[in-house]
């Protein structure tokens, strides 16, 4: 049985299409094969190596879906162990907390941004509707 979003009310046809569309590309199978075979044959860059390359002064926020079926909370624990100054906010969501719990993600993001040194948040503009299109329009 397919996995279900924890908050299915935020899953609409447009979201599903924006996720599914790249897989419909004629080259998708080749790209997927390259990703999988490369990861199997060569050690990929580890999170340890990536975090070591970041400026230690850089602030890091982890908005973590606690019910993510692919990237478990233990991965966030490892990042925190490697980068103790990082802030972790657990979200009652799966792999896409920004889609499943947008209000919770937004509140956590705003609270984190407000505590950054020198942070000055401006009032938000009027809401605009953004539509994901695949493939993107040609320039």
N, C-alpha and C. Protein backbone atom coordinates (compact mmCIF):
# COMPACT_ATOMS: atom_id res chain seq x y z
N UNK A 1 0.84 -1.19 0.00
CA UNK A 1 0.00 0.00 0.00
C UNK A 1 0.88 1.24 0.00
N UNK A 2 0.49 2.26 -0.75
CA UNK A 2 1.29 3.49 -0.78
C UNK A 2 1.25 4.19 0.57
N UNK A 3 2.32 4.89 0.87
CA UNK A 3 2.37 5.67 2.11
C UNK A 3 1.45 6.87 1.97
N UNK A 4 0.88 7.27 3.07
CA UNK A 4 -0.03 8.41 3.09
C UNK A 4 0.62 9.58 3.82
N UNK A 5 0.33 10.78 3.39
CA UNK A 5 0.80 11.97 4.10
C UNK A 5 0.10 12.04 5.44
N UNK A 6 0.80 12.53 6.44
CA UNK A 6 0.20 12.66 7.76
C UNK A 6 -0.94 13.67 7.73
N UNK A 7 -0.81 14.71 6.92
CA UNK A 7 -1.86 15.71 6.81
C UNK A 7 -2.27 15.78 5.34
N UNK A 8 -3.12 14.88 4.95
CA UNK A 8 -3.51 14.77 3.54
C UNK A 8 -4.29 15.98 3.05
N UNK A 9 -4.82 16.79 3.96
CA UNK A 9 -5.60 17.96 3.53
C UNK A 9 -4.74 18.95 2.76
N UNK A 10 -3.43 18.91 2.93
CA UNK A 10 -2.54 19.81 2.21
C UNK A 10 -1.99 19.21 0.92
N UNK A 11 -2.42 18.01 0.60
CA UNK A 11 -1.95 17.35 -0.62
C UNK A 11 -3.04 17.49 -1.68
N UNK A 12 -2.73 18.29 -2.70
CA UNK A 12 -3.70 18.47 -3.77
C UNK A 12 -3.09 17.97 -5.09
N UNK A 13 -3.88 18.02 -6.13
CA UNK A 13 -3.42 17.51 -7.43
C UNK A 13 -2.18 18.25 -7.92
N UNK A 14 -2.12 19.55 -7.68
CA UNK A 14 -0.97 20.33 -8.14
C UNK A 14 0.31 19.88 -7.44
N UNK A 15 0.24 19.63 -6.13
CA UNK A 15 1.41 19.16 -5.40
C UNK A 15 1.85 17.79 -5.91
N UNK A 16 0.90 16.89 -6.07
CA UNK A 16 1.23 15.55 -6.57
C UNK A 16 1.88 15.65 -7.95
N UNK A 17 1.33 16.46 -8.82
CA UNK A 17 1.89 16.61 -10.17
C UNK A 17 3.29 17.22 -10.13
N UNK A 18 3.52 18.19 -9.23
CA UNK A 18 4.85 18.81 -9.16
C UNK A 18 5.91 17.81 -8.70
N UNK A 19 5.51 16.83 -7.91
CA UNK A 19 6.44 15.80 -7.45
C UNK A 19 6.61 14.71 -8.51
N UNK A 20 5.53 14.35 -9.16
CA UNK A 20 5.56 13.26 -10.14
C UNK A 20 6.15 13.67 -11.48
N UNK A 21 6.01 14.92 -11.86
CA UNK A 21 6.41 15.36 -13.20
C UNK A 21 7.86 15.05 -13.56
N UNK A 22 8.83 15.30 -12.67
CA UNK A 22 10.21 14.98 -13.08
C UNK A 22 10.41 13.51 -13.42
N UNK A 23 9.67 12.62 -12.78
CA UNK A 23 9.80 11.18 -13.08
C UNK A 23 9.25 10.83 -14.45
N UNK A 24 8.43 11.70 -15.01
CA UNK A 24 7.85 11.46 -16.33
C UNK A 24 8.78 11.90 -17.46
N UNK A 25 9.87 12.56 -17.12
CA UNK A 25 10.83 12.99 -18.12
C UNK A 25 11.44 11.75 -18.79
N UNK A 26 11.65 11.78 -20.11
CA UNK A 26 12.21 10.61 -20.80
C UNK A 26 13.57 10.17 -20.26
N UNK A 27 14.33 11.07 -19.66
CA UNK A 27 15.65 10.73 -19.13
C UNK A 27 15.63 10.34 -17.65
N UNK A 28 14.46 10.29 -17.05
CA UNK A 28 14.37 10.05 -15.61
C UNK A 28 14.98 8.71 -15.20
N UNK A 29 14.71 7.67 -15.94
CA UNK A 29 15.23 6.34 -15.58
C UNK A 29 16.76 6.33 -15.60
N UNK A 30 17.34 6.97 -16.60
CA UNK A 30 18.81 7.03 -16.70
C UNK A 30 19.40 7.81 -15.53
N UNK A 31 18.80 8.93 -15.19
CA UNK A 31 19.29 9.74 -14.07
C UNK A 31 19.17 8.96 -12.77
N UNK A 32 18.04 8.31 -12.56
CA UNK A 32 17.85 7.51 -11.35
C UNK A 32 18.90 6.40 -11.28
N UNK A 33 19.14 5.73 -12.38
CA UNK A 33 20.15 4.67 -12.42
C UNK A 33 21.52 5.22 -12.05
N UNK A 34 21.89 6.37 -12.61
CA UNK A 34 23.20 6.96 -12.32
C UNK A 34 23.33 7.30 -10.83
N UNK A 35 22.29 7.84 -10.26
CA UNK A 35 22.33 8.19 -8.83
C UNK A 35 22.51 6.93 -7.99
N UNK A 36 21.69 5.92 -8.26
CA UNK A 36 21.73 4.69 -7.47
C UNK A 36 23.04 3.95 -7.67
N UNK A 37 23.48 3.80 -8.92
CA UNK A 37 24.70 3.04 -9.17
C UNK A 37 25.93 3.78 -8.66
N UNK A 38 25.95 5.08 -8.75
CA UNK A 38 27.09 5.85 -8.23
C UNK A 38 27.17 5.68 -6.72
N UNK A 39 26.04 5.77 -6.05
CA UNK A 39 26.05 5.62 -4.61
C UNK A 39 26.45 4.22 -4.19
N UNK A 40 26.16 3.23 -5.03
CA UNK A 40 26.53 1.85 -4.70
C UNK A 40 28.00 1.59 -4.97
N UNK A 41 28.57 2.23 -6.00
CA UNK A 41 29.94 1.94 -6.40
C UNK A 41 30.98 2.86 -5.76
N UNK A 42 30.59 4.08 -5.46
CA UNK A 42 31.52 5.06 -4.90
C UNK A 42 30.95 5.59 -3.60
N UNK A 43 31.80 5.78 -2.62
CA UNK A 43 31.28 6.43 -1.42
C UNK A 43 30.89 7.87 -1.76
N UNK A 44 29.70 8.23 -1.43
CA UNK A 44 29.26 9.59 -1.71
C UNK A 44 29.77 10.51 -0.60
N UNK A 45 29.65 11.78 -0.81
CA UNK A 45 30.05 12.75 0.21
C UNK A 45 29.18 12.55 1.43
N UNK A 46 29.80 12.47 2.57
CA UNK A 46 29.06 12.24 3.81
C UNK A 46 28.61 13.56 4.42
N UNK A 47 27.61 13.47 5.28
CA UNK A 47 27.15 14.66 5.99
C UNK A 47 28.28 15.23 6.84
N UNK A 48 29.12 14.36 7.38
CA UNK A 48 30.26 14.81 8.18
C UNK A 48 31.16 15.73 7.35
N UNK A 49 31.46 15.31 6.12
CA UNK A 49 32.33 16.10 5.26
C UNK A 49 31.67 17.41 4.85
N UNK A 50 30.40 17.37 4.55
CA UNK A 50 29.70 18.59 4.16
C UNK A 50 29.65 19.60 5.31
N UNK A 51 29.31 19.13 6.51
CA UNK A 51 29.25 20.03 7.66
C UNK A 51 30.62 20.61 7.99
N UNK A 52 31.67 19.84 7.80
CA UNK A 52 33.02 20.32 8.07
C UNK A 52 33.41 21.46 7.13
N UNK A 53 32.80 21.52 5.95
CA UNK A 53 33.12 22.57 4.99
C UNK A 53 32.39 23.87 5.27
N UNK A 54 31.37 23.83 6.12
CA UNK A 54 30.60 25.04 6.42
C UNK A 54 31.35 25.94 7.39
N UNK A 55 31.17 27.23 7.22
CA UNK A 55 31.72 28.20 8.16
C UNK A 55 31.12 27.93 9.54
N UNK A 56 31.94 27.76 10.57
CA UNK A 56 31.41 27.46 11.91
C UNK A 56 30.47 28.55 12.44
N UNK A 57 30.60 29.77 11.92
CA UNK A 57 29.72 30.85 12.37
C UNK A 57 28.34 30.79 11.72
N UNK A 58 28.20 29.97 10.70
CA UNK A 58 26.92 29.86 9.99
C UNK A 58 25.86 29.23 10.89
N UNK A 59 24.73 29.89 10.99
CA UNK A 59 23.61 29.37 11.78
C UNK A 59 22.93 28.26 10.99
N UNK A 60 22.47 27.24 11.69
CA UNK A 60 21.86 26.09 11.03
C UNK A 60 20.57 25.71 11.74
N UNK A 61 19.48 25.65 10.99
CA UNK A 61 18.17 25.25 11.52
C UNK A 61 17.76 23.95 10.83
N UNK A 62 17.36 22.97 11.64
CA UNK A 62 16.82 21.72 11.11
C UNK A 62 15.34 21.68 11.43
N UNK A 63 14.51 21.84 10.42
CA UNK A 63 13.06 21.67 10.57
C UNK A 63 12.79 20.23 10.18
N UNK A 64 12.59 19.36 11.16
CA UNK A 64 12.64 17.93 10.93
C UNK A 64 11.27 17.28 11.06
N UNK A 65 10.83 16.63 10.01
CA UNK A 65 9.60 15.84 10.05
C UNK A 65 9.83 14.58 10.87
N UNK A 66 9.23 14.51 12.04
CA UNK A 66 9.47 13.39 12.95
C UNK A 66 8.96 12.06 12.42
N UNK A 67 8.10 12.10 11.42
CA UNK A 67 7.53 10.86 10.89
C UNK A 67 8.02 10.59 9.46
N UNK A 68 9.17 11.18 9.12
CA UNK A 68 9.75 10.99 7.79
C UNK A 68 10.12 9.52 7.62
N UNK A 69 9.53 8.84 6.62
CA UNK A 69 9.83 7.41 6.46
C UNK A 69 11.18 7.14 5.81
N UNK A 70 11.82 8.17 5.25
CA UNK A 70 13.08 7.97 4.53
C UNK A 70 14.29 8.49 5.30
N UNK A 71 14.17 9.65 5.89
CA UNK A 71 15.29 10.22 6.64
C UNK A 71 14.86 10.30 8.09
N UNK A 72 15.29 9.34 8.86
CA UNK A 72 14.83 9.15 10.23
C UNK A 72 15.37 10.24 11.17
N UNK A 73 14.70 10.44 12.30
CA UNK A 73 15.18 11.42 13.28
C UNK A 73 16.61 11.18 13.75
N UNK A 74 17.10 9.96 13.69
CA UNK A 74 18.49 9.68 14.09
C UNK A 74 19.47 10.46 13.22
N UNK A 75 19.10 10.76 11.97
CA UNK A 75 19.97 11.56 11.11
C UNK A 75 20.09 12.98 11.65
N UNK A 76 18.99 13.52 12.16
CA UNK A 76 19.04 14.86 12.78
C UNK A 76 19.91 14.82 14.02
N UNK A 77 19.80 13.74 14.79
CA UNK A 77 20.63 13.60 15.99
C UNK A 77 22.12 13.63 15.61
N UNK A 78 22.47 12.98 14.51
CA UNK A 78 23.86 12.95 14.06
C UNK A 78 24.32 14.35 13.67
N UNK A 79 23.47 15.08 12.96
CA UNK A 79 23.84 16.45 12.56
C UNK A 79 24.05 17.32 13.80
N UNK A 80 23.17 17.20 14.78
CA UNK A 80 23.31 17.98 16.01
C UNK A 80 24.61 17.59 16.72
N UNK A 81 24.96 16.31 16.73
CA UNK A 81 26.21 15.88 17.36
C UNK A 81 27.42 16.49 16.65
N UNK A 82 27.34 16.60 15.32
CA UNK A 82 28.44 17.17 14.54
C UNK A 82 28.45 18.69 14.59
N UNK A 83 27.30 19.28 14.79
CA UNK A 83 27.15 20.75 14.78
C UNK A 83 26.30 21.15 15.97
N UNK A 84 26.85 21.13 17.20
CA UNK A 84 26.06 21.37 18.41
C UNK A 84 25.34 22.71 18.45
N UNK A 85 25.80 23.69 17.68
CA UNK A 85 25.12 24.99 17.68
C UNK A 85 23.85 24.98 16.83
N UNK A 86 23.63 23.92 16.08
CA UNK A 86 22.43 23.84 15.24
C UNK A 86 21.18 23.78 16.11
N UNK A 87 20.12 24.31 15.58
CA UNK A 87 18.82 24.29 16.26
C UNK A 87 17.94 23.29 15.54
N UNK A 88 17.35 22.38 16.30
CA UNK A 88 16.45 21.39 15.72
C UNK A 88 15.03 21.66 16.20
N UNK A 89 14.12 21.74 15.26
CA UNK A 89 12.70 21.87 15.58
C UNK A 89 12.00 20.66 14.99
N UNK A 90 11.39 19.88 15.86
CA UNK A 90 10.64 18.71 15.40
C UNK A 90 9.26 19.14 14.94
N UNK A 91 8.88 18.66 13.78
CA UNK A 91 7.58 19.00 13.20
C UNK A 91 6.76 17.72 13.10
N UNK A 92 5.50 17.79 13.47
CA UNK A 92 4.60 16.63 13.39
C UNK A 92 4.22 16.42 11.93
N UNK A 93 5.17 15.88 11.18
CA UNK A 93 5.00 15.71 9.74
C UNK A 93 5.94 14.61 9.26
N UNK A 94 5.84 14.32 7.97
CA UNK A 94 6.70 13.33 7.36
C UNK A 94 7.85 13.97 6.62
N UNK A 95 8.09 13.53 5.38
CA UNK A 95 9.25 13.95 4.60
C UNK A 95 9.15 15.39 4.11
N UNK A 96 7.96 15.91 3.96
CA UNK A 96 7.76 17.27 3.44
C UNK A 96 7.01 18.12 4.46
N UNK A 97 7.64 18.48 5.57
CA UNK A 97 6.92 19.22 6.60
C UNK A 97 6.37 20.56 6.11
N UNK A 98 7.04 21.18 5.16
CA UNK A 98 6.56 22.46 4.63
C UNK A 98 5.22 22.29 3.91
N UNK A 99 4.94 21.11 3.38
CA UNK A 99 3.65 20.85 2.75
C UNK A 99 2.63 20.31 3.75
N UNK A 100 3.09 19.46 4.67
CA UNK A 100 2.18 18.80 5.60
C UNK A 100 1.78 19.66 6.79
N UNK A 101 2.68 20.52 7.23
CA UNK A 101 2.41 21.36 8.40
C UNK A 101 2.95 22.77 8.16
N UNK A 102 2.43 23.46 7.13
CA UNK A 102 3.02 24.75 6.75
C UNK A 102 2.97 25.80 7.86
N UNK A 103 1.91 25.84 8.64
CA UNK A 103 1.83 26.85 9.70
C UNK A 103 2.89 26.58 10.77
N UNK A 104 3.06 25.33 11.14
CA UNK A 104 4.05 24.97 12.15
C UNK A 104 5.47 25.27 11.64
N UNK A 105 5.74 24.95 10.39
CA UNK A 105 7.05 25.22 9.80
C UNK A 105 7.29 26.72 9.74
N UNK A 106 6.30 27.48 9.28
CA UNK A 106 6.45 28.92 9.17
C UNK A 106 6.70 29.56 10.53
N UNK A 107 5.91 29.16 11.53
CA UNK A 107 6.09 29.72 12.88
C UNK A 107 7.50 29.43 13.41
N UNK A 108 7.96 28.20 13.22
CA UNK A 108 9.30 27.83 13.70
C UNK A 108 10.39 28.60 12.95
N UNK A 109 10.22 28.75 11.65
CA UNK A 109 11.20 29.47 10.85
C UNK A 109 11.27 30.94 11.25
N UNK A 110 10.11 31.56 11.41
CA UNK A 110 10.08 32.98 11.81
C UNK A 110 10.71 33.16 13.18
N UNK A 111 10.37 32.28 14.14
CA UNK A 111 10.94 32.38 15.49
C UNK A 111 12.47 32.25 15.44
N UNK A 112 12.96 31.33 14.62
CA UNK A 112 14.41 31.14 14.50
C UNK A 112 15.06 32.36 13.84
N UNK A 113 14.46 32.86 12.79
CA UNK A 113 15.02 34.04 12.11
C UNK A 113 15.06 35.24 13.03
N UNK A 114 14.03 35.41 13.85
CA UNK A 114 13.97 36.56 14.76
C UNK A 114 15.08 36.53 15.81
N UNK A 115 15.58 35.36 16.16
CA UNK A 115 16.62 35.28 17.17
C UNK A 115 18.03 35.42 16.60
N UNK A 116 18.16 35.46 15.29
CA UNK A 116 19.49 35.61 14.70
C UNK A 116 20.06 36.98 15.01
N UNK A 117 21.37 37.07 15.19
CA UNK A 117 21.98 38.38 15.46
C UNK A 117 21.68 39.36 14.32
N UNK A 118 21.22 40.54 14.70
CA UNK A 118 20.94 41.58 13.71
C UNK A 118 19.68 41.36 12.90
N UNK A 119 18.85 40.42 13.32
CA UNK A 119 17.64 40.12 12.55
C UNK A 119 16.65 41.26 12.64
N UNK A 120 16.16 41.67 11.50
CA UNK A 120 15.10 42.67 11.42
C UNK A 120 14.10 42.15 10.40
N UNK A 121 13.01 41.62 10.88
CA UNK A 121 12.01 41.10 9.96
C UNK A 121 11.06 42.22 9.56
N UNK A 122 10.77 42.28 8.30
CA UNK A 122 9.81 43.26 7.81
C UNK A 122 8.45 42.60 7.74
N UNK A 123 7.39 43.39 7.79
CA UNK A 123 6.06 42.78 7.68
C UNK A 123 5.94 42.04 6.35
N UNK A 124 5.24 40.91 6.35
CA UNK A 124 5.12 40.15 5.11
C UNK A 124 4.30 40.91 4.07
N UNK A 125 4.63 40.72 2.80
CA UNK A 125 3.83 41.35 1.75
C UNK A 125 2.49 40.63 1.62
N UNK A 126 1.65 41.18 0.81
CA UNK A 126 0.38 40.52 0.53
C UNK A 126 0.68 39.15 -0.06
N UNK A 127 -0.10 38.14 0.30
CA UNK A 127 0.16 36.79 -0.23
C UNK A 127 0.06 36.76 -1.75
N UNK A 128 0.92 35.96 -2.34
CA UNK A 128 0.85 35.72 -3.78
C UNK A 128 0.74 34.22 -4.00
N UNK A 129 0.16 33.85 -5.09
CA UNK A 129 0.02 32.43 -5.42
C UNK A 129 1.16 32.05 -6.34
N UNK A 130 1.89 31.02 -5.95
CA UNK A 130 2.99 30.52 -6.75
C UNK A 130 2.61 29.13 -7.23
N UNK A 131 2.74 28.90 -8.50
CA UNK A 131 2.39 27.61 -9.06
C UNK A 131 3.64 26.94 -9.62
N UNK A 132 3.87 25.71 -9.19
CA UNK A 132 5.01 24.95 -9.72
C UNK A 132 4.65 24.43 -11.10
N UNK A 133 5.54 24.65 -12.05
CA UNK A 133 5.31 24.16 -13.41
C UNK A 133 6.48 23.29 -13.81
N UNK A 134 6.15 22.14 -14.36
CA UNK A 134 7.19 21.26 -14.87
C UNK A 134 6.81 20.84 -16.27
N UNK A 135 7.62 20.96 -17.22
CA UNK A 135 8.95 21.54 -17.12
C UNK A 135 8.87 23.06 -17.00
N UNK A 136 9.92 23.68 -16.46
CA UNK A 136 9.90 25.14 -16.34
C UNK A 136 9.89 25.78 -17.72
N UNK A 137 9.35 26.99 -17.80
CA UNK A 137 9.32 27.66 -19.11
C UNK A 137 10.74 27.94 -19.60
N UNK A 138 10.95 27.89 -20.88
CA UNK A 138 12.26 28.17 -21.47
C UNK A 138 12.55 29.66 -21.35
N UNK A 139 13.80 29.98 -21.15
CA UNK A 139 14.20 31.40 -21.06
C UNK A 139 14.51 31.95 -22.40
